[in-house]
Amino acid sequence: MTKIAKTIRQARDQARLTSLEYARLLLDDFMELHGDRQFRDDGAVIGGIGFLDSLPITVVGIQKGKSLQDNLKRNFGQPHPEGYRKALRLMKQAEKFGRPVLTLINTAGAYPGVGAEERGQGEAIARNLMEMSDLKVPVIALIIGEGGSGGALALAVADQVWMLEHAIYAVLSPEGFASILWKDASRAMEAARLMKITSYELLEMGVVDQVIPEQESQQEMVACLKQKLLTSFQQLQSQPTEQLIAARYERFRKY
């Protein structure tokens, strides 16, 4: 197995910690919140509030399942528009109360079904991009597995974008890229090498700001991640709001 194939396999591994597991491990007194107040609660997006040590924060994440039954409930981590609207509702709530926002990303992409399109999938993603660019509180996005297409970017307009070491982040899946470019999905690994989707490649290009090494000990990894998040949120909170928003804008404009 090639190195890129191994990385993709690790990023998609069902044994990886999910967004909900990270929220419960990182935060004290985590309370999950539900619904977009328009249509329904989307199981593919989770969110809530809790304490990162003594710092109150809001967490929003894309949730994959760990079994077939759970994946059906979570729509295999592919959000509907109501999921993105729930995410935005929680981020605007965080802005109202001055809480920093942590987003956790693990999705192949937004759900492309007819119903999702009829309910405004494109508009929901676009609104998240617009609103996140102007949030008046610090935002850190962490790609914990697979970050695919606009479905991932809808939660990744942040002051800092981080990746776990064995995560991947791309405009679309390698299989989709190969199907479009060569009409042959079997060339996915060749496409992946061209796309430069691994964490350290993206760090070198400046697409992500930090790579978090993955450790065998879950306890050590969570403790390390918690300390990094706490330090970064405190640094971001010390900046004037206008400076924070301007720097976020420039971060994405440089591409």
Protein backbone atom coordinates (compact mmCIF):
# COMPACT_ATOMS: atom_id res chain seq x y z
CA MET A 1 0.00 0.00 0.00
CA THR A 2 1.36 3.40 -0.98
CA LYS A 3 1.77 6.19 1.57
CA ILE A 4 -1.04 8.28 0.08
CA ALA A 5 -3.38 5.28 0.01
CA LYS A 6 -2.58 4.58 3.67
CA THR A 7 -3.31 8.20 4.62
CA ILE A 8 -6.67 8.16 2.84
CA ARG A 9 -7.56 4.87 4.50
CA GLN A 10 -6.64 6.28 7.92
CA ALA A 11 -8.63 9.46 7.31
CA ARG A 12 -11.74 7.43 6.46
CA ASP A 13 -11.30 4.81 9.17
CA GLN A 14 -14.54 4.33 11.14
CA ALA A 15 -12.47 3.75 14.28
CA ARG A 16 -11.35 7.40 14.34
CA LEU A 17 -12.83 9.59 17.03
CA THR A 18 -15.95 11.37 15.84
CA SER A 19 -16.81 15.04 16.30
CA LEU A 20 -19.19 14.17 19.15
CA GLU A 21 -16.50 12.13 20.89
CA TYR A 22 -14.00 14.97 20.58
CA ALA A 23 -16.56 17.44 21.96
CA ARG A 24 -17.18 15.24 25.00
CA LEU A 25 -13.48 14.56 25.59
CA LEU A 26 -12.30 18.14 25.15
CA LEU A 27 -15.06 19.99 26.98
CA ASP A 28 -16.34 19.86 30.53
CA ASP A 29 -20.14 19.89 30.94
CA PHE A 30 -20.71 19.60 27.19
CA MET A 31 -24.40 20.11 26.33
CA GLU A 32 -25.56 19.21 22.83
CA LEU A 33 -28.05 21.52 21.12
CA HIS A 34 -30.39 20.54 18.30
CA GLY A 35 -32.33 21.88 15.34
CA ASP A 36 -32.16 24.69 12.80
CA ARG A 37 -35.51 26.26 13.86
CA GLN A 38 -36.74 25.92 10.28
CA PHE A 39 -37.08 22.30 9.18
CA ARG A 40 -35.58 19.59 11.41
CA ASP A 41 -32.52 18.41 13.30
CA ASP A 42 -29.83 17.05 10.97
CA GLY A 43 -27.96 14.14 12.53
CA ALA A 44 -24.95 14.77 10.28
CA VAL A 45 -24.15 17.99 12.19
CA ILE A 46 -23.68 18.12 15.94
CA GLY A 47 -23.17 21.16 18.10
CA GLY A 48 -23.31 22.46 21.61
CA ILE A 49 -21.61 24.40 24.38
CA GLY A 50 -19.19 23.52 27.14
CA PHE A 51 -16.02 24.57 28.95
CA LEU A 52 -12.48 24.20 27.60
CA ASP A 53 -10.99 24.21 31.07
CA SER A 54 -12.65 27.43 32.30
CA LEU A 55 -13.23 28.95 28.85
CA PRO A 56 -16.83 28.65 27.58
CA ILE A 57 -16.87 27.76 23.87
CA THR A 58 -19.26 26.56 21.19
CA VAL A 59 -18.43 23.41 19.23
CA VAL A 60 -19.97 22.54 15.85
CA GLY A 61 -18.98 19.38 14.01
CA ILE A 62 -19.85 17.07 11.15
CA GLN A 63 -20.63 13.62 12.48
CA LYS A 64 -19.99 10.28 10.80
CA GLY A 65 -21.27 7.02 12.26
CA LYS A 66 -19.30 4.04 13.51
CA SER A 67 -21.73 1.37 12.31
CA LEU A 68 -24.18 0.99 9.44
CA GLN A 69 -27.14 1.89 11.66
CA ASP A 70 -25.34 4.94 13.05
CA ASN A 71 -24.19 6.01 9.59
CA LEU A 72 -27.78 5.85 8.33
CA LYS A 73 -28.79 8.10 11.23
CA ARG A 74 -25.89 10.47 10.44
CA ASN A 75 -26.35 10.23 6.65
CA PHE A 76 -22.73 9.02 6.41
CA GLY A 77 -21.54 12.45 7.54
CA GLN A 78 -23.11 14.28 4.58
CA PRO A 79 -25.07 17.28 5.89
CA HIS A 80 -28.37 18.56 4.53
CA PRO A 81 -29.01 22.32 4.34
CA GLU A 82 -30.71 22.21 7.73
CA GLY A 83 -27.43 20.91 9.17
CA TYR A 84 -25.54 23.93 7.91
CA ARG A 85 -28.33 26.20 9.16
CA LYS A 86 -28.11 24.57 12.59
CA ALA A 87 -24.35 25.17 12.54
CA LEU A 88 -24.87 28.83 11.64
CA ARG A 89 -27.53 29.25 14.33
CA LEU A 90 -25.10 27.99 16.96
CA MET A 91 -22.24 30.15 15.66
CA LYS A 92 -24.42 33.28 15.73
CA GLN A 93 -25.50 32.34 19.25
CA ALA A 94 -21.81 32.07 20.18
CA GLU A 95 -21.21 35.52 18.71
CA LYS A 96 -24.10 36.95 20.75
CA PHE A 97 -22.62 35.66 24.01
CA GLY A 98 -18.96 36.19 23.13
CA ARG A 99 -17.97 32.52 22.99
CA PRO A 100 -15.14 31.32 20.70
CA VAL A 101 -16.13 28.67 18.13
CA LEU A 102 -14.44 25.35 17.38
CA THR A 103 -15.56 23.48 14.27
CA LEU A 104 -14.75 19.80 13.74
CA ILE A 105 -14.80 18.60 10.14
CA ASN A 106 -15.15 15.05 8.83
CA THR A 107 -17.18 14.73 5.64
CA ALA A 108 -16.86 13.58 2.05
CA GLY A 109 -19.07 16.54 1.18
CA ALA A 110 -22.56 17.98 1.51
CA TYR A 111 -25.45 15.66 0.62
CA PRO A 112 -26.25 16.02 -3.11
CA GLY A 113 -29.80 14.62 -3.01
CA VAL A 114 -32.82 16.20 -4.70
CA GLY A 115 -34.48 17.12 -1.40
CA ALA A 116 -31.35 18.85 -0.15
CA GLU A 117 -31.10 20.86 -3.34
CA GLU A 118 -34.79 21.77 -3.17
CA ARG A 119 -34.30 23.08 0.38
CA GLY A 120 -31.39 25.28 -0.68
CA GLN A 121 -28.15 23.35 -0.16
CA GLY A 122 -26.06 25.80 -2.17
CA GLU A 123 -27.58 28.82 -0.44
CA ALA A 124 -27.02 27.31 3.02
CA ILE A 125 -23.34 26.67 2.30
CA ALA A 126 -22.85 30.11 0.74
CA ARG A 127 -24.50 31.82 3.71
CA ASN A 128 -22.20 30.00 6.12
CA LEU A 129 -19.17 31.15 4.14
CA MET A 130 -20.39 34.74 4.22
CA GLU A 131 -21.45 34.79 7.88
CA MET A 132 -18.35 32.98 9.18
CA SER A 133 -16.07 35.46 7.42
CA ASP A 134 -17.59 38.21 9.57
CA LEU A 135 -18.08 36.47 12.94
CA LYS A 136 -16.95 38.73 15.77
CA VAL A 137 -15.55 35.89 17.87
CA PRO A 138 -12.47 33.69 17.31
CA VAL A 139 -12.99 30.59 15.14
CA ILE A 140 -10.69 27.57 14.86
CA ALA A 141 -11.50 24.80 12.36
CA LEU A 142 -10.04 21.32 12.89
CA ILE A 143 -10.17 18.67 10.18
CA ILE A 144 -10.31 15.39 12.08
CA GLY A 145 -10.75 12.97 9.18
CA GLU A 146 -11.93 13.73 5.67
CA GLY A 147 -12.49 17.32 4.57
CA GLY A 148 -14.28 17.26 1.26
CA SER A 149 -15.56 19.99 -1.06
CA GLY A 150 -17.79 22.92 -0.09
CA GLY A 151 -19.43 20.71 2.50
CA ALA A 152 -16.23 20.96 4.55
CA LEU A 153 -15.43 24.56 3.65
CA ALA A 154 -18.84 25.61 5.00
CA LEU A 155 -17.40 25.10 8.50
CA ALA A 156 -13.80 26.05 7.72
CA VAL A 157 -13.84 29.83 7.23
CA ALA A 158 -11.82 30.31 10.39
CA ASP A 159 -9.03 32.38 11.89
CA GLN A 160 -6.94 29.21 11.98
CA VAL A 161 -7.44 25.93 10.14
CA TRP A 162 -5.79 22.87 11.69
CA MET A 163 -5.55 19.25 10.55
CA LEU A 164 -4.88 16.03 12.34
CA GLU A 165 -1.79 14.34 10.96
CA HIS A 166 -3.66 11.59 9.09
CA ALA A 167 -6.55 13.72 7.85
CA ILE A 168 -7.12 14.81 4.24
CA TYR A 169 -8.56 18.04 2.83
CA ALA A 170 -9.50 18.63 -0.81
CA VAL A 171 -11.87 20.29 -3.26
CA LEU A 172 -13.43 16.84 -3.90
CA SER A 173 -12.63 13.19 -3.34
CA PRO A 174 -9.75 11.59 -5.27
CA GLU A 175 -12.30 9.23 -6.83
CA GLY A 176 -14.37 12.19 -8.03
CA PHE A 177 -11.30 14.00 -9.32
CA ALA A 178 -10.19 10.93 -11.30
CA SER A 179 -13.69 10.42 -12.68
CA ILE A 180 -13.84 14.00 -13.96
CA LEU A 181 -10.27 14.26 -15.26
CA TRP A 182 -9.77 10.78 -16.73
CA LYS A 183 -13.26 9.22 -16.63
CA ASP A 184 -11.70 6.49 -14.51
CA ALA A 185 -12.27 6.36 -10.75
CA SER A 186 -9.72 3.55 -10.42
CA ARG A 187 -6.98 6.18 -10.85
CA ALA A 188 -7.95 7.79 -7.54
CA MET A 189 -4.52 7.34 -5.92
CA GLU A 190 -2.84 8.97 -8.91
CA ALA A 191 -5.31 11.85 -8.55
CA ALA A 192 -4.62 12.12 -4.82
CA ARG A 193 -0.90 12.59 -5.47
CA LEU A 194 -1.64 15.40 -7.92
CA MET A 195 -4.16 17.07 -5.62
CA LYS A 196 -1.81 17.33 -2.59
CA ILE A 197 -4.44 16.52 0.00
CA THR A 198 -2.36 15.40 2.98
CA SER A 199 -1.79 17.49 6.08
CA TYR A 200 1.90 18.27 5.66
CA GLU A 201 1.51 19.11 1.96
CA LEU A 202 -1.26 21.56 2.82
CA LEU A 203 0.76 23.00 5.69
CA GLU A 204 3.67 23.63 3.29
CA MET A 205 1.32 25.42 0.88
CA GLY A 206 -0.17 27.55 3.67
CA VAL A 207 -3.69 26.15 3.28
CA VAL A 208 -3.66 24.98 6.91
CA ASP A 209 -1.93 26.64 9.83
CA GLN A 210 -1.04 23.69 12.02
CA VAL A 211 -0.79 19.90 11.88
CA ILE A 212 -1.62 18.01 15.07
CA PRO A 213 0.47 14.81 15.41
CA GLU A 214 -1.67 11.77 16.15
CA GLN A 215 -0.59 9.70 19.13
CA GLU A 216 -1.42 6.16 20.13
CA SER A 217 -2.60 7.34 23.53
CA GLN A 218 -6.03 8.96 23.19
CA GLN A 219 -5.58 10.64 26.57
CA GLU A 220 -2.27 12.25 25.58
CA MET A 221 -3.62 13.40 22.24
CA VAL A 222 -6.71 15.01 23.75
CA ALA A 223 -4.62 16.71 26.45
CA CYS A 224 -2.21 18.09 23.82
CA LEU A 225 -5.06 19.29 21.61
CA LYS A 226 -6.85 20.90 24.55
CA GLN A 227 -3.76 22.89 25.53
CA LYS A 228 -3.12 24.04 21.95
CA LEU A 229 -6.74 25.15 21.57
CA LEU A 230 -6.76 26.98 24.88
CA THR A 231 -3.55 28.86 24.07
CA SER A 232 -4.71 29.79 20.56
CA PHE A 233 -8.18 30.92 21.64
CA GLN A 234 -6.66 33.12 24.34
CA GLN A 235 -4.30 34.70 21.78
CA LEU A 236 -7.13 35.29 19.30
CA GLN A 237 -9.38 36.76 22.00
CA SER A 238 -6.70 39.30 22.89
CA GLN A 239 -6.98 40.87 19.42
CA PRO A 240 -9.40 43.73 18.73
CA THR A 241 -12.49 42.54 16.87
CA GLU A 242 -11.77 44.62 13.76
CA GLN A 243 -8.23 43.21 13.57
CA LEU A 244 -9.50 39.65 14.03
CA ILE A 245 -12.01 39.95 11.16
CA ALA A 246 -9.52 41.71 8.88
CA ALA A 247 -6.89 39.02 9.42
CA ARG A 248 -9.45 36.28 8.71
CA TYR A 249 -10.46 38.05 5.51
CA GLU A 250 -6.84 38.39 4.37
CA ARG A 251 -6.12 34.74 5.21
CA PHE A 252 -8.58 33.58 2.56
CA ARG A 253 -7.97 36.40 0.10
CA LYS A 254 -4.33 35.35 -0.30
CA TYR A 255 -5.39 32.22 -2.19
